[in-house]
PDB file of N, CA and C in Angstrom:
ATOM      1  N   MET A   1     -14.352  -0.542  23.710  1.00  0.00           N
ATOM      2  CA  MET A   1     -13.535  -0.193  22.571  1.00  0.00           C
ATOM      3  C   MET A   1     -12.260   0.517  23.036  1.00  0.00           C
ATOM      4  N   CYS A   2     -12.413   1.440  23.971  1.00  0.00           N
ATOM      5  CA  CYS A   2     -11.242   2.173  24.466  1.00  0.00           C
ATOM      6  C   CYS A   2     -10.265   1.244  25.171  1.00  0.00           C
ATOM      7  N   ALA A   3     -10.799   0.219  25.851  1.00  0.00           N
ATOM      8  CA  ALA A   3      -9.919  -0.735  26.540  1.00  0.00           C
ATOM      9  C   ALA A   3      -9.091  -1.514  25.527  1.00  0.00           C
ATOM     10  N   MET A   4      -9.700  -1.868  24.398  1.00  0.00           N
ATOM     11  CA  MET A   4      -8.946  -2.590  23.362  1.00  0.00           C
ATOM     12  C   MET A   4      -7.851  -1.706  22.779  1.00  0.00           C
ATOM     13  N   ILE A   5      -8.158  -0.444  22.564  1.00  0.00           N
ATOM     14  CA  ILE A   5      -7.187   0.475  21.975  1.00  0.00           C
ATOM     15  C   ILE A   5      -6.029   0.733  22.929  1.00  0.00           C
ATOM     16  N   ALA A   6      -6.328   0.796  24.225  1.00  0.00           N
ATOM     17  CA  ALA A   6      -5.304   1.121  25.216  1.00  0.00           C
ATOM     18  C   ALA A   6      -4.476  -0.088  25.647  1.00  0.00           C
ATOM     19  N   ASP A   7      -4.833  -1.291  25.219  1.00  0.00           N
ATOM     20  CA  ASP A   7      -4.099  -2.500  25.607  1.00  0.00           C
ATOM     21  C   ASP A   7      -2.674  -2.440  25.062  1.00  0.00           C
ATOM     22  N   GLY A   8      -1.686  -2.466  25.950  1.00  0.00           N
ATOM     23  CA  GLY A   8      -0.281  -2.289  25.577  1.00  0.00           C
ATOM     24  C   GLY A   8       0.253  -3.296  24.574  1.00  0.00           C
ATOM     25  N   PRO A   9       0.149  -4.618  24.865  1.00  0.00           N
ATOM     26  CA  PRO A   9       0.681  -5.602  23.914  1.00  0.00           C
ATOM     27  C   PRO A   9       0.002  -5.547  22.546  1.00  0.00           C
ATOM     28  N   ARG A  10      -1.304  -5.343  22.543  1.00  0.00           N
ATOM     29  CA  ARG A  10      -2.028  -5.266  21.267  1.00  0.00           C
ATOM     30  C   ARG A  10      -1.588  -4.036  20.485  1.00  0.00           C
ATOM     31  N   LYS A  11      -1.409  -2.934  21.195  1.00  0.00           N
ATOM     32  CA  LYS A  11      -0.977  -1.689  20.551  1.00  0.00           C
ATOM     33  C   LYS A  11       0.413  -1.857  19.942  1.00  0.00           C
ATOM     34  N   SER A  12       1.314  -2.510  20.667  1.00  0.00           N
ATOM     35  CA  SER A  12       2.668  -2.745  20.159  1.00  0.00           C
ATOM     36  C   SER A  12       2.644  -3.655  18.940  1.00  0.00           C
ATOM     37  N   PHE A  13       1.835  -4.714  19.017  1.00  0.00           N
ATOM     38  CA  PHE A  13       1.729  -5.639  17.889  1.00  0.00           C
ATOM     39  C   PHE A  13       1.208  -4.918  16.653  1.00  0.00           C
ATOM     40  N   CYS A  14       0.147  -4.141  16.825  1.00  0.00           N
ATOM     41  CA  CYS A  14      -0.445  -3.432  15.686  1.00  0.00           C
ATOM     42  C   CYS A  14       0.525  -2.418  15.092  1.00  0.00           C
ATOM     43  N   TYR A  15       1.262  -1.733  15.948  1.00  0.00           N
ATOM     44  CA  TYR A  15       2.232  -0.759  15.453  1.00  0.00           C
ATOM     45  C   TYR A  15       3.322  -1.450  14.637  1.00  0.00           C
ATOM     46  N   ARG A  16       3.856  -2.558  15.168  1.00  0.00           N
ATOM     47  CA  ARG A  16       4.897  -3.291  14.428  1.00  0.00           C
ATOM     48  C   ARG A  16       4.351  -3.841  13.120  1.00  0.00           C
ATOM     49  N   ARG A  17       3.116  -4.344  13.143  1.00  0.00           N
ATOM     50  CA  ARG A  17       2.500  -4.898  11.936  1.00  0.00           C
ATOM     51  C   ARG A  17       2.306  -3.804  10.884  1.00  0.00           C
ATOM     52  N   LEU A  18       1.809  -2.645  11.287  1.00  0.00           N
ATOM     53  CA  LEU A  18       1.618  -1.548  10.339  1.00  0.00           C
ATOM     54  C   LEU A  18       2.946  -1.043   9.781  1.00  0.00           C
ATOM     55  N   THR A  19       3.969  -0.992  10.621  1.00  0.00           N
ATOM     56  CA  THR A  19       5.294  -0.582  10.164  1.00  0.00           C
ATOM     57  C   THR A  19       5.834  -1.572   9.142  1.00  0.00           C
ATOM     58  N   TYR A  20       5.666  -2.869   9.422  1.00  0.00           N
ATOM     59  CA  TYR A  20       6.114  -3.916   8.499  1.00  0.00           C
ATOM     60  C   TYR A  20       5.378  -3.823   7.168  1.00  0.00           C
ATOM     61  N   LEU A  21       4.054  -3.689   7.218  1.00  0.00           N
ATOM     62  CA  LEU A  21       3.274  -3.620   5.982  1.00  0.00           C
ATOM     63  C   LEU A  21       3.601  -2.366   5.176  1.00  0.00           C
ATOM     64  N   SER A  22       3.851  -1.269   5.850  1.00  0.00           N
ATOM     65  CA  SER A  22       4.228  -0.041   5.157  1.00  0.00           C
ATOM     66  C   SER A  22       5.568  -0.208   4.444  1.00  0.00           C
ATOM     67  N   ALA A  23       6.533  -0.814   5.127  1.00  0.00           N
ATOM     68  CA  ALA A  23       7.843  -1.046   4.512  1.00  0.00           C
ATOM     69  C   ALA A  23       7.726  -2.013   3.338  1.00  0.00           C
ATOM     70  N   LYS A  24       6.890  -3.028   3.487  1.00  0.00           N
ATOM     71  CA  LYS A  24       6.690  -4.006   2.409  1.00  0.00           C
ATOM     72  C   LYS A  24       6.065  -3.334   1.181  1.00  0.00           C
ATOM     73  N   TYR A  25       5.104  -2.433   1.406  1.00  0.00           N
ATOM     74  CA  TYR A  25       4.482  -1.715   0.298  1.00  0.00           C
ATOM     75  C   TYR A  25       5.481  -0.787  -0.387  1.00  0.00           C
ATOM     76  N   GLN A  26       6.292  -0.090   0.392  1.00  0.00           N
ATOM     77  CA  GLN A  26       7.298   0.799  -0.188  1.00  0.00           C
ATOM     78  C   GLN A  26       8.289   0.016  -1.046  1.00  0.00           C
ATOM     79  N   LEU A  27       8.663  -1.181  -0.604  1.00  0.00           N
ATOM     80  CA  LEU A  27       9.544  -2.036  -1.400  1.00  0.00           C
ATOM     81  C   LEU A  27       8.859  -2.436  -2.703  1.00  0.00           C
ATOM     82  N   HIS A  28       7.581  -2.775  -2.624  1.00  0.00           N
ATOM     83  CA  HIS A  28       6.815  -3.122  -3.823  1.00  0.00           C
ATOM     84  C   HIS A  28       6.794  -1.947  -4.803  1.00  0.00           C
ATOM     85  N   VAL A  29       6.573  -0.758  -4.296  1.00  0.00           N
ATOM     86  CA  VAL A  29       6.540   0.435  -5.152  1.00  0.00           C
ATOM     87  C   VAL A  29       7.891   0.640  -5.826  1.00  0.00           C
ATOM     88  N   LEU A  30       8.969   0.507  -5.072  1.00  0.00           N
ATOM     89  CA  LEU A  30      10.304   0.702  -5.638  1.00  0.00           C
ATOM     90  C   LEU A  30      10.628  -0.336  -6.708  1.00  0.00           C
ATOM     91  N   LEU A  31      10.237  -1.580  -6.476  1.00  0.00           N
ATOM     92  CA  LEU A  31      10.585  -2.647  -7.412  1.00  0.00           C
ATOM     93  C   LEU A  31       9.718  -2.648  -8.666  1.00  0.00           C
ATOM     94  N   ASN A  32       8.485  -2.166  -8.573  1.00  0.00           N
ATOM     95  CA  ASN A  32       7.547  -2.296  -9.684  1.00  0.00           C
ATOM     96  C   ASN A  32       7.126  -0.974 -10.307  1.00  0.00           C
ATOM     97  N   GLU A  33       7.765   0.112  -9.919  1.00  0.00           N
ATOM     98  CA  GLU A  33       7.358   1.423 -10.413  1.00  0.00           C
ATOM     99  C   GLU A  33       7.461   1.519 -11.936  1.00  0.00           C
ATOM    100  N   LEU A  34       8.581   1.111 -12.492  1.00  0.00           N
ATOM    101  CA  LEU A  34       8.770   1.223 -13.944  1.00  0.00           C
ATOM    102  C   LEU A  34       7.823   0.304 -14.704  1.00  0.00           C
ATOM    103  N   ARG A  35       7.597  -0.884 -14.179  1.00  0.00           N
ATOM    104  CA  ARG A  35       6.686  -1.830 -14.834  1.00  0.00           C
ATOM    105  C   ARG A  35       5.259  -1.281 -14.858  1.00  0.00           C
ATOM    106  N   GLU A  36       4.828  -0.683 -13.763  1.00  0.00           N
ATOM    107  CA  GLU A  36       3.477  -0.129 -13.704  1.00  0.00           C
ATOM    108  C   GLU A  36       3.337   1.091 -14.606  1.00  0.00           C
ATOM    109  N   LEU A  37       4.358   1.927 -14.679  1.00  0.00           N
ATOM    110  CA  LEU A  37       4.310   3.073 -15.589  1.00  0.00           C
ATOM    111  C   LEU A  37       4.226   2.621 -17.039  1.00  0.00           C
ATOM    112  N   ALA A  38       4.993   1.593 -17.394  1.00  0.00           N
ATOM    113  CA  ALA A  38       4.948   1.071 -18.762  1.00  0.00           C
ATOM    114  C   ALA A  38       3.576   0.492 -19.075  1.00  0.00           C
ATOM    115  N   ALA A  39       2.975  -0.190 -18.119  1.00  0.00           N
ATOM    116  CA  ALA A  39       1.644  -0.762 -18.333  1.00  0.00           C
ATOM    117  C   ALA A  39       0.600   0.336 -18.500  1.00  0.00           C
ATOM    118  N   GLN A  40       0.734   1.425 -17.764  1.00  0.00           N
ATOM    119  CA  GLN A  40      -0.203   2.543 -17.897  1.00  0.00           C
ATOM    120  C   GLN A  40      -0.064   3.214 -19.256  1.00  0.00           C
ATOM    121  N   LYS A  41       1.158   3.374 -19.720  1.00  0.00           N
ATOM    122  CA  LYS A  41       1.377   4.044 -21.001  1.00  0.00           C
ATOM    123  C   LYS A  41       1.011   3.160 -22.184  1.00  0.00           C
ATOM    124  N   ALA A  42       0.953   1.855 -21.987  1.00  0.00           N
ATOM    125  CA  ALA A  42       0.631   0.939 -23.076  1.00  0.00           C
ATOM    126  C   ALA A  42      -0.851   0.969 -23.434  1.00  0.00           C
ATOM    127  N   VAL A  43      -1.684   1.509 -22.563  1.00  0.00           N
ATOM    128  CA  VAL A  43      -3.125   1.552 -22.802  1.00  0.00           C
ATOM    129  C   VAL A  43      -3.460   2.799 -23.608  1.00  0.00           C
ATOM    130  N   PRO A  44      -4.008   2.624 -24.824  1.00  0.00           N
ATOM    131  CA  PRO A  44      -4.363   3.797 -25.626  1.00  0.00           C
ATOM    132  C   PRO A  44      -5.633   4.464 -25.085  1.00  0.00           C
ATOM    133  N   HIS A  45      -5.771   5.730 -25.329  1.00  0.00           N
ATOM    134  CA  HIS A  45      -6.955   6.508 -24.936  1.00  0.00           C
ATOM    135  C   HIS A  45      -7.209   6.414 -23.435  1.00  0.00           C
ATOM    136  N   ARG A  46      -6.166   6.537 -22.653  1.00  0.00           N
ATOM    137  CA  ARG A  46      -6.357   6.430 -21.206  1.00  0.00           C
ATOM    138  C   ARG A  46      -6.787   7.782 -20.633  1.00  0.00           C
ATOM    139  N   ASP A  47      -7.803   7.751 -19.834  1.00  0.00           N
ATOM    140  CA  ASP A  47      -8.249   8.916 -19.088  1.00  0.00           C
ATOM    141  C   ASP A  47      -9.147   8.426 -17.951  1.00  0.00           C
ATOM    142  N   PHE A  48      -9.766   9.349 -17.260  1.00  0.00           N
ATOM    143  CA  PHE A  48     -10.582   8.965 -16.107  1.00  0.00           C
ATOM    144  C   PHE A  48     -11.904   8.327 -16.518  1.00  0.00           C
ATOM    145  N   TYR A  49     -12.319   8.529 -17.747  1.00  0.00           N
ATOM    146  CA  TYR A  49     -13.601   7.996 -18.182  1.00  0.00           C
ATOM    147  C   TYR A  49     -13.463   6.597 -18.769  1.00  0.00           C
ATOM    148  N   ASN A  50     -12.313   6.252 -19.300  1.00  0.00           N
ATOM    149  CA  ASN A  50     -12.085   4.922 -19.870  1.00  0.00           C
ATOM    150  C   ASN A  50     -11.270   4.091 -18.891  1.00  0.00           C
ATOM    151  N   THR A  51     -11.942   3.460 -17.968  1.00  0.00           N
ATOM    152  CA  THR A  51     -11.242   2.666 -16.949  1.00  0.00           C
ATOM    153  C   THR A  51     -11.608   1.201 -17.101  1.00  0.00           C
ATOM    154  N   ARG A  52     -11.101   0.581 -18.132  1.00  0.00           N
ATOM    155  CA  ARG A  52     -11.357  -0.851 -18.338  1.00  0.00           C
ATOM    156  C   ARG A  52     -10.171  -1.643 -17.919  1.00  0.00           C
TER     157      ARG A  52
END
């Protein structure tokens, strides 16, 4: 397991992939924030117990 973690090319690939996915998620959050807030507010009686 330690050999897999210490492998240079694999480590670089994973780091770039995680950086890319993080940036992609942040873009999704920026583009859809208002839409998701509106969808949350459209649900009546919303709380932690009513999660349908």
